[in-house]
């Protein structure tokens, strides 16, 4: 490892969400990731030279992706944790693979480089949980390869402290008749930037992305989701729901890109945010790019305050204004929260949302 090169890496200078007071911390080890033991599943730490050499062709991605190319390179070169999950052909893992990245004062840096390789007809669900109690820095890179007729679900839950910074870059390559599902929950960190790019390379491939976020205080969120359609009859869907409070800022960029040859493909995207205060800022930039004629694409974005009639109705039934708002927001988030297969994670998400709405810590 060349620490001199590590120290010379600069953070990007974004106009969307300003990275004030953000610095890349000193490099340090992270040893707290416990890899679950699941029968017949090949899952290993990524940081051994032997493992990296065995998977070079998958770890190297030709196209640019992620929140910023320099931040992606940072983790690719200097990762201090991460896993390789390699599913055999026809292997279906019924039990979710849970990876907990817990940060604290002693281990406040997580640069996780993850590879999920699903060979033909395989199936797996991976849950990644990022938490911190102190000021921490997370810069993750996850690469997913779903070969023909495979099914991969990746769930990421982020509830880091409000003095932390979170960057997360994801890319998926999807084969014929394969499906990749991505679920993202962003509730913590002073600055959060996430990117998920899916390349639907082969015919009949599909991808679904569902995300929720809650920004309060002066939090900044930058969310970028892209579905690239290459094969014929590909299907994609982006569904994002959020809430903003106080002086929080959010930028959402959703891209449906139909490449030449992606005939009869379909894509949908929608972002819906509830604005709880006048001081928030919400920007949505949905984009539909068509290089093929015979395709269907739909995009929508809406931002507004809670419907006064709904609020009045609930309050007329005896609920306080805070409880009524909480019920409306939770009803919006509920379908996505229920997709998380662990009760303790669902409960933590619910309590976190309750606290942010009511300002009452549990």
Foldseek 3Di string as FASTA:
>chain_A
DPQVVLQPQDDDCDPQDGPPPDDDDRDDADDPKDWDDDPPWDKDKCPDPVNCVVCVVQLDDDDDWFPDNSLVVSLSVRFRTEMETAADAQAERPDATEIEAEAEPVRQEGSYEYEYEAEHNYEHEYEYEYEYDDAHEYRYEYEYEAEALYEYEYEYAYAYAQNYEETYIYEYEHYHNYEYEYEYEEEHYQEYEYEYEYEDAEANYEYEYEYEYEEEDAREYEYEYEYEAHYEQYEYEAHYEYEYYHQYEYEYEYEYAYAPHHAAYEYEYEYEYAYPDPNYYYHYHYYYHDPDDRYYYYYYYDYYHPDPVQQVVVVVVPDDSLVSVLVVRCVVCVVSLVVDPDPVVSVVSSQSSSCRSVVDHD
